[in-house]
Amino acid sequence: MTATDKLIVRGLPLDPPDGLVVRNFFDPTVYHFKNQSRTRDVTQLILHETVTRSWKSTVDVLKPKSDANPGGRGLGVQLIVDHDGTVYQHGDLATDEHWHAGGQSPDHNPSSVGIECVNPYYAKYMPKDGPWTESIDAPWAAEGKYCVPTPAQSEAVSLLTGWLTSEASGLSIPRTWLGVKDEKMAFGRLPPTGDPGIYAHYYFGHADGAWLVLYSWLRLQADFTPEESWHRATYMATGVRNSVSVAGIP
């Protein structure tokens, strides 16, 4: 039987990066989203945040609507990262096309892997005594207050980003930071493009994912430690409107 703690690409179980805990859809408790089969190469990675407070509630929102699941939206995503950093894989990264980044032009779904990070996002939705402990003033965020992802899930997202943009994944996603230009990282919309590389959902859709791109850039590009990356990303994203300066950072 295929191992349930691997990352599945073209039906093959591949070792995840060290330190990453994975449960894939060969585990019967992990739902397999089956929106449609993919017909294009995977060249894009898109980082999202859920506006939920648990992995299970995220899955229920994305699953098809039914009598038992009246709030279902009939969508899907390949990867969900829970608050403790556990990664749940809900579809084959190469062959399952999931509907997580459509509704605009160009449609990113056919060529992308999506990572959903479980996060209330809005400070007002942070649970008391929950795993999310930090909120910041963020003019760039919806309603101006942002709930910062936990250190564990931030690091899990960066580990996934590093692996997905490496030869180990067998995919064709370059480690190109599409939001970085002229020593600034975007925290807002970008001109429409289907270029290969790493996207925040914010670049073309809602208002999520930009902080996670910044954290991952600090880890993978600037080579800061997890703790330093989390604190730097939180500080850098506080009080800004449309972008953060990355000038002078290695």
C-alpha atoms as a PDB file:
ATOM      1  CA  MET A   1       0.000   0.000   0.000  1.00  0.00           C
ATOM      2  CA  THR A   2       1.183   3.516  -0.760  1.00  0.00           C
ATOM      3  CA  ALA A   3       2.535   5.317   2.298  1.00  0.00           C
ATOM      4  CA  THR A   4       0.212   7.930   3.714  1.00  0.00           C
ATOM      5  CA  ASP A   5       3.017  10.193   4.963  1.00  0.00           C
ATOM      6  CA  LYS A   6       4.503  11.019   1.539  1.00  0.00           C
ATOM      7  CA  LEU A   7       3.787  13.682  -1.078  1.00  0.00           C
ATOM      8  CA  ILE A   8       2.059  12.164  -4.096  1.00  0.00           C
ATOM      9  CA  VAL A   9       3.174  13.231  -7.591  1.00  0.00           C
ATOM     10  CA  ARG A  10       1.938  11.309 -10.648  1.00  0.00           C
ATOM     11  CA  GLY A  11       0.796   8.554  -8.324  1.00  0.00           C
ATOM     12  CA  LEU A  12       4.259   8.130  -6.816  1.00  0.00           C
ATOM     13  CA  PRO A  13       4.967   8.648  -3.101  1.00  0.00           C
ATOM     14  CA  LEU A  14       7.890  11.054  -2.681  1.00  0.00           C
ATOM     15  CA  ASP A  15       9.702  11.907   0.523  1.00  0.00           C
ATOM     16  CA  PRO A  16       8.718  15.305   1.931  1.00  0.00           C
ATOM     17  CA  PRO A  17      11.418  17.695   3.152  1.00  0.00           C
ATOM     18  CA  ASP A  18      12.867  16.992   6.586  1.00  0.00           C
ATOM     19  CA  GLY A  19      10.681  18.295   9.380  1.00  0.00           C
ATOM     20  CA  LEU A  20       7.440  18.274   7.405  1.00  0.00           C
ATOM     21  CA  VAL A  21       4.569  16.099   8.665  1.00  0.00           C
ATOM     22  CA  VAL A  22       2.313  14.947   5.806  1.00  0.00           C
ATOM     23  CA  ARG A  23      -0.948  13.007   5.618  1.00  0.00           C
ATOM     24  CA  ASN A  24      -2.102  12.324   2.070  1.00  0.00           C
ATOM     25  CA  PHE A  25      -5.350  11.206   0.481  1.00  0.00           C
ATOM     26  CA  PHE A  26      -4.394   7.532   0.672  1.00  0.00           C
ATOM     27  CA  ASP A  27      -5.299   7.944   4.338  1.00  0.00           C
ATOM     28  CA  PRO A  28      -9.089   7.333   4.329  1.00  0.00           C
ATOM     29  CA  THR A  29      -9.612  10.242   6.721  1.00  0.00           C
ATOM     30  CA  VAL A  30      -8.124  12.712   4.202  1.00  0.00           C
ATOM     31  CA  TYR A  31     -10.650  13.765   1.564  1.00  0.00           C
ATOM     32  CA  HIS A  32      -9.561  13.476  -2.083  1.00  0.00           C
ATOM     33  CA  PHE A  33     -10.848  16.461  -4.061  1.00  0.00           C
ATOM     34  CA  LYS A  34     -11.539  15.449  -7.666  1.00  0.00           C
ATOM     35  CA  ASN A  35     -12.479  18.597  -9.545  1.00  0.00           C
ATOM     36  CA  GLN A  36     -10.975  17.429 -12.843  1.00  0.00           C
ATOM     37  CA  SER A  37      -7.869  15.889 -14.416  1.00  0.00           C
ATOM     38  CA  ARG A  38      -5.026  18.203 -15.320  1.00  0.00           C
ATOM     39  CA  THR A  39      -3.976  18.701 -18.944  1.00  0.00           C
ATOM     40  CA  ARG A  40      -1.076  21.181 -18.492  1.00  0.00           C
ATOM     41  CA  ASP A  41       2.323  21.162 -16.838  1.00  0.00           C
ATOM     42  CA  VAL A  42       2.471  22.571 -13.315  1.00  0.00           C
ATOM     43  CA  THR A  43       4.355  25.888 -13.433  1.00  0.00           C
ATOM     44  CA  GLN A  44       2.731  27.979 -10.686  1.00  0.00           C
ATOM     45  CA  LEU A  45       2.416  27.872  -6.904  1.00  0.00           C
ATOM     46  CA  ILE A  46      -0.329  29.906  -5.223  1.00  0.00           C
ATOM     47  CA  LEU A  47      -0.430  30.626  -1.485  1.00  0.00           C
ATOM     48  CA  HIS A  48      -3.826  31.140   0.164  1.00  0.00           C
ATOM     49  CA  GLU A  49      -5.328  31.670   3.616  1.00  0.00           C
ATOM     50  CA  THR A  50      -8.636  30.122   4.531  1.00  0.00           C
ATOM     51  CA  VAL A  51     -10.587  32.433   6.871  1.00  0.00           C
ATOM     52  CA  THR A  52     -11.359  29.297   8.895  1.00  0.00           C
ATOM     53  CA  ARG A  53     -10.060  27.935  12.197  1.00  0.00           C
ATOM     54  CA  SER A  54      -9.511  24.244  11.490  1.00  0.00           C
ATOM     55  CA  TRP A  55      -8.468  21.840   8.777  1.00  0.00           C
ATOM     56  CA  LYS A  56     -11.809  20.028   8.972  1.00  0.00           C
ATOM     57  CA  SER A  57     -13.899  23.174   8.538  1.00  0.00           C
ATOM     58  CA  THR A  58     -11.750  24.157   5.565  1.00  0.00           C
ATOM     59  CA  VAL A  59     -12.394  20.813   3.887  1.00  0.00           C
ATOM     60  CA  ASP A  60     -16.134  21.123   4.532  1.00  0.00           C
ATOM     61  CA  VAL A  61     -16.222  24.579   2.911  1.00  0.00           C
ATOM     62  CA  LEU A  62     -14.430  23.311  -0.189  1.00  0.00           C
ATOM     63  CA  LYS A  63     -16.358  20.032  -0.594  1.00  0.00           C
ATOM     64  CA  PRO A  64     -19.497  19.893  -2.763  1.00  0.00           C
ATOM     65  CA  LYS A  65     -22.733  21.167  -1.272  1.00  0.00           C
ATOM     66  CA  SER A  66     -25.040  18.459   0.072  1.00  0.00           C
ATOM     67  CA  ASP A  67     -27.729  17.920   2.684  1.00  0.00           C
ATOM     68  CA  ALA A  68     -25.006  16.868   5.090  1.00  0.00           C
ATOM     69  CA  ASN A  69     -22.744  19.750   4.046  1.00  0.00           C
ATOM     70  CA  PRO A  70     -25.004  22.697   3.159  1.00  0.00           C
ATOM     71  CA  GLY A  71     -22.131  25.192   3.190  1.00  0.00           C
ATOM     72  CA  GLY A  72     -20.026  23.342   0.626  1.00  0.00           C
ATOM     73  CA  ARG A  73     -18.766  25.315  -2.382  1.00  0.00           C
ATOM     74  CA  GLY A  74     -17.659  22.541  -4.731  1.00  0.00           C
ATOM     75  CA  LEU A  75     -14.043  23.706  -4.955  1.00  0.00           C
ATOM     76  CA  GLY A  76     -10.735  22.056  -4.062  1.00  0.00           C
ATOM     77  CA  VAL A  77      -7.042  22.481  -3.332  1.00  0.00           C
ATOM     78  CA  GLN A  78      -4.036  20.196  -3.358  1.00  0.00           C
ATOM     79  CA  LEU A  79      -2.552  21.074   0.047  1.00  0.00           C
ATOM     80  CA  ILE A  80      -3.873  22.416   3.363  1.00  0.00           C
ATOM     81  CA  VAL A  81      -1.563  23.403   6.225  1.00  0.00           C
ATOM     82  CA  ASP A  82      -3.146  23.255   9.687  1.00  0.00           C
ATOM     83  CA  HIS A  83      -2.222  25.483  12.630  1.00  0.00           C
ATOM     84  CA  ASP A  84       0.271  22.941  14.004  1.00  0.00           C
ATOM     85  CA  GLY A  85       2.121  22.677  10.694  1.00  0.00           C
ATOM     86  CA  THR A  86       0.609  19.346   9.627  1.00  0.00           C
ATOM     87  CA  VAL A  87       0.218  19.204   5.839  1.00  0.00           C
ATOM     88  CA  TYR A  88      -2.815  17.449   4.373  1.00  0.00           C
ATOM     89  CA  GLN A  89      -2.559  16.484   0.712  1.00  0.00           C
ATOM     90  CA  HIS A  90      -5.956  16.332  -0.999  1.00  0.00           C
ATOM     91  CA  GLY A  91      -4.933  15.604  -4.579  1.00  0.00           C
ATOM     92  CA  ASP A  92      -2.089  14.487  -6.808  1.00  0.00           C
ATOM     93  CA  LEU A  93       0.172  17.497  -7.333  1.00  0.00           C
ATOM     94  CA  ALA A  94       0.760  16.724 -11.010  1.00  0.00           C
ATOM     95  CA  THR A  95      -2.476  15.198 -12.281  1.00  0.00           C
ATOM     96  CA  ASP A  96      -5.333  16.658 -10.189  1.00  0.00           C
ATOM     97  CA  GLU A  97      -6.515  20.108 -11.247  1.00  0.00           C
ATOM     98  CA  HIS A  98      -8.292  21.798  -8.360  1.00  0.00           C
ATOM     99  CA  TRP A  99     -10.483  24.879  -8.386  1.00  0.00           C
ATOM    100  CA  HIS A 100      -8.755  27.219  -5.955  1.00  0.00           C
ATOM    101  CA  ALA A 101      -7.624  30.117  -8.155  1.00  0.00           C
ATOM    102  CA  GLY A 102     -10.199  30.666 -10.879  1.00  0.00           C
ATOM    103  CA  GLY A 103     -12.838  33.322 -11.474  1.00  0.00           C
ATOM    104  CA  GLN A 104     -10.473  35.743 -13.144  1.00  0.00           C
ATOM    105  CA  SER A 105      -8.342  35.999 -16.272  1.00  0.00           C
ATOM    106  CA  PRO A 106      -6.084  34.213 -16.712  1.00  0.00           C
ATOM    107  CA  ASP A 107      -7.397  31.087 -14.999  1.00  0.00           C
ATOM    108  CA  HIS A 108      -4.554  29.827 -12.809  1.00  0.00           C
ATOM    109  CA  ASN A 109      -6.135  26.481 -11.937  1.00  0.00           C
ATOM    110  CA  PRO A 110      -4.858  24.384 -14.876  1.00  0.00           C
ATOM    111  CA  SER A 111      -1.176  25.109 -14.181  1.00  0.00           C
ATOM    112  CA  SER A 112      -0.992  25.568 -10.435  1.00  0.00           C
ATOM    113  CA  VAL A 113      -0.618  23.856  -7.091  1.00  0.00           C
ATOM    114  CA  GLY A 114      -2.506  25.602  -4.308  1.00  0.00           C
ATOM    115  CA  ILE A 115      -1.541  25.717  -0.633  1.00  0.00           C
ATOM    116  CA  GLU A 116      -4.259  26.776   1.800  1.00  0.00           C
ATOM    117  CA  CYS A 117      -2.983  27.906   5.198  1.00  0.00           C
ATOM    118  CA  VAL A 118      -5.649  27.559   7.896  1.00  0.00           C
ATOM    119  CA  ASN A 119      -5.942  31.051   9.351  1.00  0.00           C
ATOM    120  CA  PRO A 120      -8.849  33.136  10.676  1.00  0.00           C
ATOM    121  CA  TYR A 121      -7.188  36.048   8.793  1.00  0.00           C
ATOM    122  CA  TYR A 122      -9.389  38.692  10.419  1.00  0.00           C
ATOM    123  CA  ALA A 123      -8.256  39.584  13.920  1.00  0.00           C
ATOM    124  CA  LYS A 124     -11.884  39.607  15.033  1.00  0.00           C
ATOM    125  CA  TYR A 125     -12.154  35.865  14.254  1.00  0.00           C
ATOM    126  CA  MET A 126      -9.132  34.810  16.323  1.00  0.00           C
ATOM    127  CA  PRO A 127     -10.288  32.287  18.945  1.00  0.00           C
ATOM    128  CA  LYS A 128      -9.567  32.999  22.582  1.00  0.00           C
ATOM    129  CA  ASP A 129      -6.719  30.807  23.839  1.00  0.00           C
ATOM    130  CA  GLY A 130      -6.277  29.499  20.290  1.00  0.00           C
ATOM    131  CA  PRO A 131      -3.044  28.794  18.411  1.00  0.00           C
ATOM    132  CA  TRP A 132      -2.995  32.222  16.707  1.00  0.00           C
ATOM    133  CA  THR A 133      -1.566  34.773  19.110  1.00  0.00           C
ATOM    134  CA  GLU A 134      -0.491  37.755  17.016  1.00  0.00           C
ATOM    135  CA  SER A 135      -2.497  40.336  15.087  1.00  0.00           C
ATOM    136  CA  ILE A 136      -1.111  43.449  13.428  1.00  0.00           C
ATOM    137  CA  ASP A 137      -2.294  46.753  12.028  1.00  0.00           C
ATOM    138  CA  ALA A 138      -2.273  46.084   8.306  1.00  0.00           C
ATOM    139  CA  PRO A 139      -3.708  48.705   5.913  1.00  0.00           C
ATOM    140  CA  TRP A 140      -3.038  46.212   3.082  1.00  0.00           C
ATOM    141  CA  ALA A 141      -5.335  43.583   4.636  1.00  0.00           C
ATOM    142  CA  ALA A 142      -9.108  43.366   4.430  1.00  0.00           C
ATOM    143  CA  GLU A 143     -10.544  45.480   7.291  1.00  0.00           C
ATOM    144  CA  GLY A 144      -7.032  46.675   8.230  1.00  0.00           C
ATOM    145  CA  LYS A 145      -6.237  44.051  10.884  1.00  0.00           C
ATOM    146  CA  TYR A 146      -4.444  40.790  10.135  1.00  0.00           C
ATOM    147  CA  CYS A 147      -4.084  37.562  12.098  1.00  0.00           C
ATOM    148  CA  VAL A 148      -0.524  36.298  11.633  1.00  0.00           C
ATOM    149  CA  PRO A 149      -0.159  32.563  10.860  1.00  0.00           C
ATOM    150  CA  THR A 150       1.432  30.430  13.566  1.00  0.00           C
ATOM    151  CA  PRO A 151       5.200  29.864  13.424  1.00  0.00           C
ATOM    152  CA  ALA A 152       4.649  26.137  12.809  1.00  0.00           C
ATOM    153  CA  GLN A 153       2.395  26.569   9.814  1.00  0.00           C
ATOM    154  CA  SER A 154       4.464  29.437   8.412  1.00  0.00           C
ATOM    155  CA  GLU A 155       7.498  27.175   8.406  1.00  0.00           C
ATOM    156  CA  ALA A 156       5.519  24.302   6.870  1.00  0.00           C
ATOM    157  CA  VAL A 157       4.426  26.589   4.018  1.00  0.00           C
ATOM    158  CA  SER A 158       8.028  27.633   3.391  1.00  0.00           C
ATOM    159  CA  LEU A 159       9.218  24.007   3.426  1.00  0.00           C
ATOM    160  CA  LEU A 160       6.541  23.128   0.886  1.00  0.00           C
ATOM    161  CA  THR A 161       7.419  26.151  -1.232  1.00  0.00           C
ATOM    162  CA  GLY A 162      11.067  25.158  -1.243  1.00  0.00           C
ATOM    163  CA  TRP A 163      10.294  21.548  -2.142  1.00  0.00           C
ATOM    164  CA  LEU A 164       7.721  22.357  -4.831  1.00  0.00           C
ATOM    165  CA  THR A 165      10.168  24.706  -6.556  1.00  0.00           C
ATOM    166  CA  SER A 166      12.994  22.173  -6.482  1.00  0.00           C
ATOM    167  CA  GLU A 167      13.893  19.230  -8.681  1.00  0.00           C
ATOM    168  CA  ALA A 168      12.770  16.870  -5.910  1.00  0.00           C
ATOM    169  CA  SER A 169       9.102  17.510  -6.714  1.00  0.00           C
ATOM    170  CA  GLY A 170       9.348  16.577 -10.398  1.00  0.00           C
ATOM    171  CA  LEU A 171       7.223  19.633 -11.212  1.00  0.00           C
ATOM    172  CA  SER A 172       8.137  22.702 -13.293  1.00  0.00           C
ATOM    173  CA  ILE A 173       7.572  25.548 -10.825  1.00  0.00           C
ATOM    174  CA  PRO A 174      10.522  27.968 -10.838  1.00  0.00           C
ATOM    175  CA  ARG A 175      11.555  29.719  -7.641  1.00  0.00           C
ATOM    176  CA  THR A 176      10.558  33.045  -9.151  1.00  0.00           C
ATOM    177  CA  TRP A 177       9.031  35.569  -6.753  1.00  0.00           C
ATOM    178  CA  LEU A 178       6.548  37.318  -9.023  1.00  0.00           C
ATOM    179  CA  GLY A 179       5.650  39.919  -6.407  1.00  0.00           C
ATOM    180  CA  VAL A 180       9.226  41.218  -6.041  1.00  0.00           C
ATOM    181  CA  LYS A 181      10.264  44.152  -8.233  1.00  0.00           C
ATOM    182  CA  ASP A 182      12.554  47.142  -7.667  1.00  0.00           C
ATOM    183  CA  GLU A 183      13.402  45.941  -4.138  1.00  0.00           C
ATOM    184  CA  LYS A 184       9.753  45.860  -3.102  1.00  0.00           C
ATOM    185  CA  MET A 185       7.388  42.959  -2.469  1.00  0.00           C
ATOM    186  CA  ALA A 186       3.771  43.439  -3.463  1.00  0.00           C
ATOM    187  CA  PHE A 187       1.008  43.363  -0.886  1.00  0.00           C
ATOM    188  CA  GLY A 188      -1.753  43.953  -3.397  1.00  0.00           C
ATOM    189  CA  ARG A 189      -2.848  43.346  -6.993  1.00  0.00           C
ATOM    190  CA  LEU A 190      -0.425  42.791  -9.867  1.00  0.00           C
ATOM    191  CA  PRO A 191      -1.098  43.131 -13.605  1.00  0.00           C
ATOM    192  CA  PRO A 192      -2.741  39.932 -14.904  1.00  0.00           C
ATOM    193  CA  THR A 193      -0.211  37.302 -15.936  1.00  0.00           C
ATOM    194  CA  GLY A 194       0.088  33.572 -16.265  1.00  0.00           C
ATOM    195  CA  ASP A 195       3.862  33.587 -15.788  1.00  0.00           C
ATOM    196  CA  PRO A 196       5.481  30.644 -14.017  1.00  0.00           C
ATOM    197  CA  GLY A 197       6.478  31.180 -10.410  1.00  0.00           C
ATOM    198  CA  ILE A 198       5.220  31.861  -6.885  1.00  0.00           C
ATOM    199  CA  TYR A 199       2.026  33.864  -6.321  1.00  0.00           C
ATOM    200  CA  ALA A 200       0.068  35.152  -3.377  1.00  0.00           C
ATOM    201  CA  HIS A 201      -3.646  34.791  -4.026  1.00  0.00           C
ATOM    202  CA  TYR A 202      -3.719  38.510  -3.280  1.00  0.00           C
ATOM    203  CA  TYR A 203      -1.899  39.255  -6.544  1.00  0.00           C
ATOM    204  CA  PHE A 204      -4.967  38.440  -8.603  1.00  0.00           C
ATOM    205  CA  GLY A 205      -7.867  37.463  -6.372  1.00  0.00           C
ATOM    206  CA  HIS A 206      -8.724  38.106  -2.744  1.00  0.00           C
ATOM    207  CA  ALA A 207      -6.501  39.654  -0.025  1.00  0.00           C
ATOM    208  CA  ASP A 208      -4.648  36.572   1.217  1.00  0.00           C
ATOM    209  CA  GLY A 209      -1.273  34.910   0.919  1.00  0.00           C
ATOM    210  CA  ALA A 210       1.051  37.933   0.754  1.00  0.00           C
ATOM    211  CA  TRP A 211       2.434  37.539   4.297  1.00  0.00           C
ATOM    212  CA  LEU A 212       3.182  33.866   3.583  1.00  0.00           C
ATOM    213  CA  VAL A 213       5.107  34.787   0.432  1.00  0.00           C
ATOM    214  CA  LEU A 214       7.143  37.271   2.461  1.00  0.00           C
ATOM    215  CA  TYR A 215       7.918  34.685   5.157  1.00  0.00           C
ATOM    216  CA  SER A 216       8.893  32.095   2.530  1.00  0.00           C
ATOM    217  CA  TRP A 217      11.108  34.630   0.740  1.00  0.00           C
ATOM    218  CA  LEU A 218      12.891  35.454   3.986  1.00  0.00           C
ATOM    219  CA  ARG A 219      13.490  31.750   4.637  1.00  0.00           C
ATOM    220  CA  LEU A 220      14.427  30.608   1.129  1.00  0.00           C
ATOM    221  CA  GLN A 221      15.935  33.672  -0.468  1.00  0.00           C
ATOM    222  CA  ALA A 222      17.451  35.541   2.483  1.00  0.00           C
ATOM    223  CA  ASP A 223      18.206  32.368   4.492  1.00  0.00           C
ATOM    224  CA  PHE A 224      16.977  33.657   7.846  1.00  0.00           C
ATOM    225  CA  THR A 225      16.038  31.209  10.593  1.00  0.00           C
ATOM    226  CA  PRO A 226      12.365  30.308  11.108  1.00  0.00           C
ATOM    227  CA  GLU A 227      12.132  32.427  14.260  1.00  0.00           C
ATOM    228  CA  GLU A 228      13.810  35.437  12.680  1.00  0.00           C
ATOM    229  CA  SER A 229      11.733  35.116   9.491  1.00  0.00           C
ATOM    230  CA  TRP A 230       8.488  35.049  11.460  1.00  0.00           C
ATOM    231  CA  HIS A 231       9.366  38.119  13.500  1.00  0.00           C
ATOM    232  CA  ARG A 232      10.791  40.004  10.508  1.00  0.00           C
ATOM    233  CA  ALA A 233       7.761  39.261   8.323  1.00  0.00           C
ATOM    234  CA  THR A 234       5.404  40.373  11.080  1.00  0.00           C
ATOM    235  CA  TYR A 235       7.349  43.595  11.637  1.00  0.00           C
ATOM    236  CA  MET A 236       7.768  44.352   7.929  1.00  0.00           C
ATOM    237  CA  ALA A 237       4.063  43.833   7.148  1.00  0.00           C
ATOM    238  CA  THR A 238       2.840  46.094   9.967  1.00  0.00           C
ATOM    239  CA  GLY A 239       1.495  49.468   8.908  1.00  0.00           C
ATOM    240  CA  VAL A 240       2.271  49.201   5.174  1.00  0.00           C
ATOM    241  CA  ARG A 241      -0.257  49.652   2.375  1.00  0.00           C
ATOM    242  CA  ASN A 242       0.700  48.182  -0.991  1.00  0.00           C
ATOM    243  CA  SER A 243       4.210  46.769  -0.642  1.00  0.00           C
ATOM    244  CA  VAL A 244       7.081  46.097   1.733  1.00  0.00           C
ATOM    245  CA  SER A 245      10.695  47.064   1.109  1.00  0.00           C
ATOM    246  CA  VAL A 246      13.171  44.206   0.824  1.00  0.00           C
ATOM    247  CA  ALA A 247      16.069  46.522   0.001  1.00  0.00           C
ATOM    248  CA  GLY A 248      19.318  45.515   1.613  1.00  0.00           C
ATOM    249  CA  ILE A 249      18.115  42.055   2.617  1.00  0.00           C
ATOM    250  CA  PRO A 250      20.400  39.331   1.219  1.00  0.00           C
END
